[in-house]
C-alpha atoms as a PDB file:
ATOM      1  CA  MET A   1      46.649 -24.798  -8.850  1.00  0.00           C
ATOM      2  CA  GLU A   2      43.877 -23.746 -11.235  1.00  0.00           C
ATOM      3  CA  ALA A   3      41.606 -22.714  -8.335  1.00  0.00           C
ATOM      4  CA  GLU A   4      44.406 -20.661  -6.806  1.00  0.00           C
ATOM      5  CA  THR A   5      45.091 -18.946 -10.123  1.00  0.00           C
ATOM      6  CA  SER A   6      41.391 -18.125 -10.545  1.00  0.00           C
ATOM      7  CA  GLN A   7      41.193 -16.801  -7.011  1.00  0.00           C
ATOM      8  CA  HIS A   8      44.150 -14.496  -7.518  1.00  0.00           C
ATOM      9  CA  ALA A   9      42.842 -13.384 -10.895  1.00  0.00           C
ATOM     10  CA  TYR A  10      39.480 -12.353  -9.489  1.00  0.00           C
ATOM     11  CA  ASP A  11      39.064  -8.573  -9.582  1.00  0.00           C
ATOM     12  CA  PRO A  12      36.195  -7.347  -7.340  1.00  0.00           C
ATOM     13  CA  THR A  13      36.491  -3.801  -8.698  1.00  0.00           C
ATOM     14  CA  ARG A  14      35.069  -4.983 -12.017  1.00  0.00           C
ATOM     15  CA  TYR A  15      31.584  -5.148 -10.487  1.00  0.00           C
ATOM     16  CA  GLU A  16      29.427  -2.328  -9.221  1.00  0.00           C
ATOM     17  CA  ARG A  17      28.100  -2.777  -5.707  1.00  0.00           C
ATOM     18  CA  PRO A  18      24.845  -1.509  -4.228  1.00  0.00           C
ATOM     19  CA  ALA A  19      24.747   0.066  -0.803  1.00  0.00           C
ATOM     20  CA  VAL A  20      22.731  -1.681   1.920  1.00  0.00           C
ATOM     21  CA  THR A  21      20.521  -0.043   4.519  1.00  0.00           C
ATOM     22  CA  VAL A  22      18.175  -1.228   7.257  1.00  0.00           C
ATOM     23  CA  ASP A  23      14.778   0.241   8.135  1.00  0.00           C
ATOM     24  CA  VAL A  24      12.771  -0.515  11.266  1.00  0.00           C
ATOM     25  CA  VAL A  25       8.981  -0.280  11.246  1.00  0.00           C
ATOM     26  CA  ILE A  26       8.058  -0.086  14.912  1.00  0.00           C
ATOM     27  CA  PHE A  27       4.457  -0.111  16.118  1.00  0.00           C
ATOM     28  CA  THR A  28       2.761   0.636  19.420  1.00  0.00           C
ATOM     29  CA  LEU A  29      -0.684   1.316  20.834  1.00  0.00           C
ATOM     30  CA  ILE A  30      -1.452   4.766  22.242  1.00  0.00           C
ATOM     31  CA  ASN A  31      -4.932   5.385  23.642  1.00  0.00           C
ATOM     32  CA  GLN A  32      -5.910   2.015  22.181  1.00  0.00           C
ATOM     33  CA  GLU A  33      -4.943   3.110  18.654  1.00  0.00           C
ATOM     34  CA  LEU A  34      -2.189   1.672  16.450  1.00  0.00           C
ATOM     35  CA  HIS A  35       0.760   4.069  15.933  1.00  0.00           C
ATOM     36  CA  VAL A  36       4.036   3.874  14.015  1.00  0.00           C
ATOM     37  CA  LEU A  37       7.274   5.672  14.901  1.00  0.00           C
ATOM     38  CA  LEU A  38       8.589   8.084  12.237  1.00  0.00           C
ATOM     39  CA  VAL A  39      11.485  10.544  12.060  1.00  0.00           C
ATOM     40  CA  GLN A  40      11.544  13.837  10.159  1.00  0.00           C
ATOM     41  CA  ARG A  41      14.612  13.991   7.923  1.00  0.00           C
ATOM     42  CA  ARG A  42      17.027  16.890   8.387  1.00  0.00           C
ATOM     43  CA  HIS A  43      19.129  16.408   5.240  1.00  0.00           C
ATOM     44  CA  TRP A  44      18.815  15.694   1.509  1.00  0.00           C
ATOM     45  CA  PRO A  45      17.296  13.653   0.044  1.00  0.00           C
ATOM     46  CA  PHE A  46      13.700  14.186   1.175  1.00  0.00           C
ATOM     47  CA  GLU A  47      14.640  16.939   3.601  1.00  0.00           C
ATOM     48  CA  GLY A  48      11.691  17.678   5.871  1.00  0.00           C
ATOM     49  CA  PHE A  49       9.861  14.466   4.925  1.00  0.00           C
ATOM     50  CA  TRP A  50       8.848  11.874   7.495  1.00  0.00           C
ATOM     51  CA  ALA A  51      10.522   8.487   7.218  1.00  0.00           C
ATOM     52  CA  ILE A  52      10.874   5.103   8.848  1.00  0.00           C
ATOM     53  CA  PRO A  53      13.979   5.128  11.086  1.00  0.00           C
ATOM     54  CA  GLY A  54      17.010   3.425   9.556  1.00  0.00           C
ATOM     55  CA  GLY A  55      20.318   3.937   7.801  1.00  0.00           C
ATOM     56  CA  PHE A  56      23.394   2.383   6.206  1.00  0.00           C
ATOM     57  CA  ILE A  57      25.028  -0.700   7.686  1.00  0.00           C
ATOM     58  CA  ASN A  58      28.672  -0.721   8.690  1.00  0.00           C
ATOM     59  CA  MET A  59      31.011  -3.223   7.071  1.00  0.00           C
ATOM     60  CA  ASP A  60      31.703  -4.991  10.375  1.00  0.00           C
ATOM     61  CA  GLU A  61      28.152  -5.472  11.678  1.00  0.00           C
ATOM     62  CA  SER A  62      25.284  -7.821  11.004  1.00  0.00           C
ATOM     63  CA  LEU A  63      21.972  -6.649   9.578  1.00  0.00           C
ATOM     64  CA  GLU A  64      20.167  -6.986  12.905  1.00  0.00           C
ATOM     65  CA  ALA A  65      22.965  -5.221  14.778  1.00  0.00           C
ATOM     66  CA  ALA A  66      22.739  -2.358  12.282  1.00  0.00           C
ATOM     67  CA  ALA A  67      18.969  -2.192  12.703  1.00  0.00           C
ATOM     68  CA  ARG A  68      19.271  -1.996  16.479  1.00  0.00           C
ATOM     69  CA  ARG A  69      22.015   0.633  16.286  1.00  0.00           C
ATOM     70  CA  GLU A  70      20.138   2.822  13.815  1.00  0.00           C
ATOM     71  CA  LEU A  71      16.921   2.552  15.785  1.00  0.00           C
ATOM     72  CA  GLU A  72      18.601   3.627  19.015  1.00  0.00           C
ATOM     73  CA  GLU A  73      20.644   6.388  17.372  1.00  0.00           C
ATOM     74  CA  GLU A  74      17.686   7.895  15.513  1.00  0.00           C
ATOM     75  CA  THR A  75      14.884   7.444  18.048  1.00  0.00           C
ATOM     76  CA  GLY A  76      16.296   6.350  21.412  1.00  0.00           C
ATOM     77  CA  VAL A  77      14.295   3.103  21.273  1.00  0.00           C
ATOM     78  CA  ARG A  78      16.271   0.086  22.421  1.00  0.00           C
ATOM     79  CA  ASP A  79      16.023  -3.484  23.719  1.00  0.00           C
ATOM     80  CA  VAL A  80      13.161  -4.529  21.448  1.00  0.00           C
ATOM     81  CA  TYR A  81      12.365  -7.774  19.698  1.00  0.00           C
ATOM     82  CA  LEU A  82      13.071  -7.343  15.963  1.00  0.00           C
ATOM     83  CA  GLU A  83      11.871  -9.578  13.182  1.00  0.00           C
ATOM     84  CA  GLN A  84      13.061  -9.318   9.591  1.00  0.00           C
ATOM     85  CA  LEU A  85      10.212  -8.188   7.355  1.00  0.00           C
ATOM     86  CA  TYR A  86      11.268  -8.004   3.697  1.00  0.00           C
ATOM     87  CA  THR A  87      13.987  -6.722   1.355  1.00  0.00           C
ATOM     88  CA  PHE A  88      13.216  -3.710  -0.850  1.00  0.00           C
ATOM     89  CA  GLY A  89      15.462  -3.084  -3.828  1.00  0.00           C
ATOM     90  CA  ASP A  90      13.793  -1.209  -6.682  1.00  0.00           C
ATOM     91  CA  PRO A  91      16.605   0.524  -8.636  1.00  0.00           C
ATOM     92  CA  GLY A  92      15.143   4.030  -8.252  1.00  0.00           C
ATOM     93  CA  ARG A  93      14.110   3.898  -4.620  1.00  0.00           C
ATOM     94  CA  ASP A  94      16.966   6.163  -3.457  1.00  0.00           C
ATOM     95  CA  PRO A  95      18.184   9.163  -5.526  1.00  0.00           C
ATOM     96  CA  ARG A  96      21.689   9.000  -4.034  1.00  0.00           C
ATOM     97  CA  MET A  97      22.767   5.611  -5.380  1.00  0.00           C
ATOM     98  CA  ARG A  98      21.652   2.017  -5.843  1.00  0.00           C
ATOM     99  CA  VAL A  99      20.413   1.105  -2.352  1.00  0.00           C
ATOM    100  CA  ILE A 100      18.908  -2.151  -1.116  1.00  0.00           C
ATOM    101  CA  SER A 101      17.082  -1.953   2.202  1.00  0.00           C
ATOM    102  CA  VAL A 102      16.345  -4.805   4.597  1.00  0.00           C
ATOM    103  CA  ALA A 103      13.294  -3.904   6.668  1.00  0.00           C
ATOM    104  CA  TYR A 104      12.519  -5.083  10.182  1.00  0.00           C
ATOM    105  CA  ILE A 105       9.311  -4.970  12.203  1.00  0.00           C
ATOM    106  CA  ALA A 106       8.788  -4.588  15.940  1.00  0.00           C
ATOM    107  CA  LEU A 107       6.055  -4.028  18.509  1.00  0.00           C
ATOM    108  CA  VAL A 108       6.740  -2.116  21.729  1.00  0.00           C
ATOM    109  CA  ARG A 109       4.895  -0.553  24.616  1.00  0.00           C
ATOM    110  CA  ALA A 110       5.147   3.211  24.225  1.00  0.00           C
ATOM    111  CA  ASP A 111       5.235   3.784  27.994  1.00  0.00           C
ATOM    112  CA  ALA A 112       8.329   1.560  28.221  1.00  0.00           C
ATOM    113  CA  GLN A 113      10.350   3.628  25.727  1.00  0.00           C
ATOM    114  CA  LYS A 114      11.731   7.156  25.802  1.00  0.00           C
ATOM    115  CA  ILE A 115      12.104   8.558  22.292  1.00  0.00           C
ATOM    116  CA  SER A 116      14.688  11.205  21.365  1.00  0.00           C
ATOM    117  CA  VAL A 117      15.790  13.195  18.302  1.00  0.00           C
ATOM    118  CA  SER A 118      19.166  12.591  16.633  1.00  0.00           C
ATOM    119  CA  ASP A 119      21.449  14.876  14.613  1.00  0.00           C
ATOM    120  CA  GLU A 120      20.033  13.313  11.436  1.00  0.00           C
ATOM    121  CA  SER A 121      16.450  14.406  12.097  1.00  0.00           C
ATOM    122  CA  THR A 122      14.438  17.402  13.243  1.00  0.00           C
ATOM    123  CA  ASP A 123      11.685  15.478  15.003  1.00  0.00           C
ATOM    124  CA  VAL A 124      10.635  11.979  16.023  1.00  0.00           C
ATOM    125  CA  ARG A 125       7.021  11.151  16.701  1.00  0.00           C
ATOM    126  CA  TRP A 126       4.443   8.404  17.067  1.00  0.00           C
ATOM    127  CA  TRP A 127       1.925   8.752  14.220  1.00  0.00           C
ATOM    128  CA  PRO A 128      -1.538   7.120  14.142  1.00  0.00           C
ATOM    129  CA  VAL A 129      -1.586   4.611  11.295  1.00  0.00           C
ATOM    130  CA  ARG A 130      -4.950   6.014  10.186  1.00  0.00           C
ATOM    131  CA  ALA A 131      -3.578   9.585   9.954  1.00  0.00           C
ATOM    132  CA  LEU A 132      -0.066   9.453   8.487  1.00  0.00           C
ATOM    133  CA  PRO A 133       1.792  12.368   6.805  1.00  0.00           C
ATOM    134  CA  ASP A 134       0.697  13.051   3.222  1.00  0.00           C
ATOM    135  CA  GLN A 135       3.926  11.623   1.774  1.00  0.00           C
ATOM    136  CA  LEU A 136       6.780   9.610   3.254  1.00  0.00           C
ATOM    137  CA  ALA A 137      10.414   9.641   2.125  1.00  0.00           C
ATOM    138  CA  PHE A 138      11.838   7.120  -0.348  1.00  0.00           C
ATOM    139  CA  ASP A 139       9.514   4.102  -0.782  1.00  0.00           C
ATOM    140  CA  HIS A 140       8.551   4.099   2.876  1.00  0.00           C
ATOM    141  CA  GLU A 141       4.831   4.181   2.119  1.00  0.00           C
ATOM    142  CA  GLN A 142       5.276   0.822   0.402  1.00  0.00           C
ATOM    143  CA  ILE A 143       7.377  -0.534   3.275  1.00  0.00           C
ATOM    144  CA  LEU A 144       4.855   0.615   5.871  1.00  0.00           C
ATOM    145  CA  ALA A 145       1.898  -0.824   3.943  1.00  0.00           C
ATOM    146  CA  TYR A 146       3.727  -4.146   3.662  1.00  0.00           C
ATOM    147  CA  ALA A 147       4.534  -4.073   7.400  1.00  0.00           C
ATOM    148  CA  ILE A 148       0.908  -3.468   8.362  1.00  0.00           C
ATOM    149  CA  SER A 149      -0.250  -6.292   6.110  1.00  0.00           C
ATOM    150  CA  ARG A 150       2.358  -8.660   7.533  1.00  0.00           C
ATOM    151  CA  LEU A 151       1.549  -7.642  11.108  1.00  0.00           C
ATOM    152  CA  ARG A 152      -2.120  -8.429  10.577  1.00  0.00           C
ATOM    153  CA  SER A 153      -1.419 -11.812   9.027  1.00  0.00           C
ATOM    154  CA  LYS A 154       1.044 -12.738  11.787  1.00  0.00           C
ATOM    155  CA  LEU A 155      -1.676 -12.320  14.413  1.00  0.00           C
ATOM    156  CA  GLU A 156      -3.119 -15.608  13.179  1.00  0.00           C
ATOM    157  CA  TYR A 157      -0.063 -17.740  13.921  1.00  0.00           C
ATOM    158  CA  THR A 158       2.179 -15.866  16.395  1.00  0.00           C
ATOM    159  CA  THR A 159       1.876 -14.168  19.781  1.00  0.00           C
ATOM    160  CA  LEU A 160       3.481 -10.965  18.509  1.00  0.00           C
ATOM    161  CA  ALA A 161       0.645  -8.748  19.791  1.00  0.00           C
ATOM    162  CA  PHE A 162       1.283  -9.860  23.367  1.00  0.00           C
ATOM    163  CA  GLN A 163       4.387  -7.660  23.410  1.00  0.00           C
ATOM    164  CA  LEU A 164       2.062  -4.665  23.741  1.00  0.00           C
ATOM    165  CA  LEU A 165       0.675  -5.974  27.028  1.00  0.00           C
ATOM    166  CA  PRO A 166       1.888  -5.612  30.618  1.00  0.00           C
ATOM    167  CA  GLU A 167       2.511  -8.773  32.621  1.00  0.00           C
ATOM    168  CA  LEU A 168      -1.108  -8.839  33.839  1.00  0.00           C
ATOM    169  CA  PHE A 169      -3.972  -7.855  31.562  1.00  0.00           C
ATOM    170  CA  SER A 170      -7.657  -8.369  30.918  1.00  0.00           C
ATOM    171  CA  ILE A 171      -8.945 -10.346  27.958  1.00  0.00           C
ATOM    172  CA  LEU A 172     -10.832  -7.226  26.892  1.00  0.00           C
ATOM    173  CA  GLU A 173      -7.508  -5.347  26.666  1.00  0.00           C
ATOM    174  CA  LEU A 174      -6.106  -8.148  24.521  1.00  0.00           C
ATOM    175  CA  LYS A 175      -9.195  -7.994  22.299  1.00  0.00           C
ATOM    176  CA  HIS A 176      -8.737  -4.227  21.822  1.00  0.00           C
ATOM    177  CA  ILE A 177      -5.141  -4.779  20.678  1.00  0.00           C
ATOM    178  CA  TYR A 178      -6.177  -7.323  18.068  1.00  0.00           C
ATOM    179  CA  GLU A 179      -8.989  -5.077  16.846  1.00  0.00           C
ATOM    180  CA  GLN A 180      -6.669  -2.098  16.418  1.00  0.00           C
ATOM    181  CA  ILE A 181      -4.096  -4.086  14.474  1.00  0.00           C
ATOM    182  CA  LEU A 182      -6.646  -5.930  12.342  1.00  0.00           C
ATOM    183  CA  GLY A 183      -8.669  -2.779  11.733  1.00  0.00           C
ATOM    184  CA  GLU A 184     -11.943  -4.554  12.410  1.00  0.00           C
ATOM    185  CA  LYS A 185     -14.287  -5.375  15.264  1.00  0.00           C
ATOM    186  CA  LEU A 186     -14.187  -8.934  16.591  1.00  0.00           C
ATOM    187  CA  ASP A 187     -17.099 -10.831  18.038  1.00  0.00           C
ATOM    188  CA  LYS A 188     -16.667 -10.802  21.802  1.00  0.00           C
ATOM    189  CA  GLY A 189     -17.906 -14.324  22.459  1.00  0.00           C
ATOM    190  CA  ASN A 190     -15.941 -15.837  19.593  1.00  0.00           C
ATOM    191  CA  PHE A 191     -12.747 -14.043  20.658  1.00  0.00           C
ATOM    192  CA  TYR A 192     -13.045 -15.142  24.286  1.00  0.00           C
ATOM    193  CA  ARG A 193     -13.683 -18.736  23.264  1.00  0.00           C
ATOM    194  CA  LYS A 194     -10.774 -18.920  20.856  1.00  0.00           C
ATOM    195  CA  ILE A 195      -8.235 -17.197  23.081  1.00  0.00           C
ATOM    196  CA  LYS A 196      -9.100 -19.523  25.968  1.00  0.00           C
ATOM    197  CA  GLU A 197      -8.970 -22.576  23.698  1.00  0.00           C
ATOM    198  CA  SER A 198      -5.479 -21.535  22.572  1.00  0.00           C
ATOM    199  CA  ASN A 199      -4.195 -22.488  26.047  1.00  0.00           C
ATOM    200  CA  LEU A 200      -1.794 -19.537  26.028  1.00  0.00           C
ATOM    201  CA  LEU A 201      -3.208 -17.787  29.085  1.00  0.00           C
ATOM    202  CA  GLU A 202      -3.628 -18.566  32.725  1.00  0.00           C
ATOM    203  CA  GLU A 203      -6.074 -16.889  35.047  1.00  0.00           C
ATOM    204  CA  THR A 204      -4.657 -15.087  38.092  1.00  0.00           C
ATOM    205  CA  ASN A 205      -6.141 -14.206  41.463  1.00  0.00           C
ATOM    206  CA  VAL A 206      -5.676 -10.510  40.727  1.00  0.00           C
ATOM    207  CA  VAL A 207      -8.691  -8.350  39.937  1.00  0.00           C
ATOM    208  CA  ARG A 208      -8.857  -4.733  38.803  1.00  0.00           C
ATOM    209  CA  GLU A 209     -11.397  -2.561  40.584  1.00  0.00           C
ATOM    210  CA  GLY A 210     -13.418  -0.054  38.599  1.00  0.00           C
ATOM    211  CA  ARG A 211     -16.940   0.773  37.598  1.00  0.00           C
ATOM    212  CA  GLY A 212     -19.193  -2.226  37.787  1.00  0.00           C
ATOM    213  CA  ARG A 213     -17.857  -5.688  38.490  1.00  0.00           C
ATOM    214  CA  PRO A 214     -14.121  -6.186  39.181  1.00  0.00           C
ATOM    215  CA  THR A 215     -12.163  -7.371  36.134  1.00  0.00           C
ATOM    216  CA  ARG A 216     -10.203 -10.609  36.351  1.00  0.00           C
ATOM    217  CA  LEU A 217      -6.607 -10.334  35.064  1.00  0.00           C
ATOM    218  CA  TRP A 218      -4.698 -12.913  33.066  1.00  0.00           C
ATOM    219  CA  ARG A 219      -1.110 -13.558  32.012  1.00  0.00           C
ATOM    220  CA  PHE A 220       0.907 -15.700  29.621  1.00  0.00           C
ATOM    221  CA  ARG A 221       1.144 -19.311  30.764  1.00  0.00           C
ATOM    222  CA  ARG A 222       4.575 -19.870  32.262  1.00  0.00           C
ATOM    223  CA  ASP A 223       4.535 -23.514  31.136  1.00  0.00           C
ATOM    224  CA  ARG A 224       3.127 -22.833  27.666  1.00  0.00           C
ATOM    225  CA  THR A 225       4.453 -24.671  24.639  1.00  0.00           C
ATOM    226  CA  THR A 226       6.486 -22.945  21.957  1.00  0.00           C
ATOM    227  CA  ASP A 227       4.779 -19.965  20.346  1.00  0.00           C
ATOM    228  CA  LYS A 228       5.358 -21.531  16.928  1.00  0.00           C
ATOM    229  CA  GLN A 229       2.498 -23.929  17.680  1.00  0.00           C
ATOM    230  CA  PHE A 230       0.093 -21.030  18.127  1.00  0.00           C
ATOM    231  CA  VAL A 231      -2.697 -21.013  15.537  1.00  0.00           C
ATOM    232  CA  PHE A 232      -5.573 -18.578  15.905  1.00  0.00           C
ATOM    233  CA  ARG A 233      -8.210 -18.050  13.200  1.00  0.00           C
ATOM    234  CA  TRP A 234     -10.569 -15.155  13.799  1.00  0.00           C
ATOM    235  CA  ARG A 235     -13.264 -16.147  11.329  1.00  0.00           C
ATOM    236  CA  GLU A 236     -14.066 -19.724  10.491  1.00  0.00           C
ATOM    237  CA  ASP A 237     -14.286 -18.888   6.783  1.00  0.00           C
ATOM    238  CA  ARG A 238     -10.998 -16.958   6.627  1.00  0.00           C
ATOM    239  CA  ILE A 239      -8.721 -18.155   3.832  1.00  0.00           C
ATOM    240  CA  ASP A 240      -5.275 -19.245   5.003  1.00  0.00           C
ATOM    241  CA  ARG A 241      -2.559 -16.784   4.083  1.00  0.00           C
ATOM    242  CA  ASN A 242       1.154 -17.341   3.727  1.00  0.00           C
ATOM    243  CA  PRO A 243       3.258 -15.927   6.614  1.00  0.00           C
END
């Protein structure tokens, strides 16, 4: 009886509530260079500023469902693998109200997506990570910096980068992807040895003709073990980092 009385006496209007948004940091490679998808805001606040696509969640949807909906509505991008990145909640991050944002990260192939502009923005564009707009809306510079850092660290224990590849690819193409994301050159011999030792790939009978010798193509092993067992250290002296 006491629990029932307490339940009925509870008044939710006594407490202020923050709003909740989702933001999606989505990366791709264009001309072998790492890019991020940004939208140019049409309305206040930060009208005219570039921002990570996202928006407010609806009361009847999950966080991931909201992230997928906002991403498709604002950019046209759909059917991508999303992974929750981090929660950003500094009190002054949004001038409208107290807003907590749950950020997601994704990697896509740009040639497999058709981007489009929504009513909430004036433009949507892939931006090179090395040449971003001078200032992003809200705290999106912080979110993007965190996403890049997390993406780089995840290369050491996940196969996330493989989502940028077609079904068949060369090991050199895979090496270029890792170099672009890591922002550093990798030793060719060391990379080839480690990627083959990972037992993630299988050689195919397909070759790509071009200048010089034909290039052998590879693919993900169809009988590979779970990706969670993937461990790949680029330098022997690299200090382990938390995921």
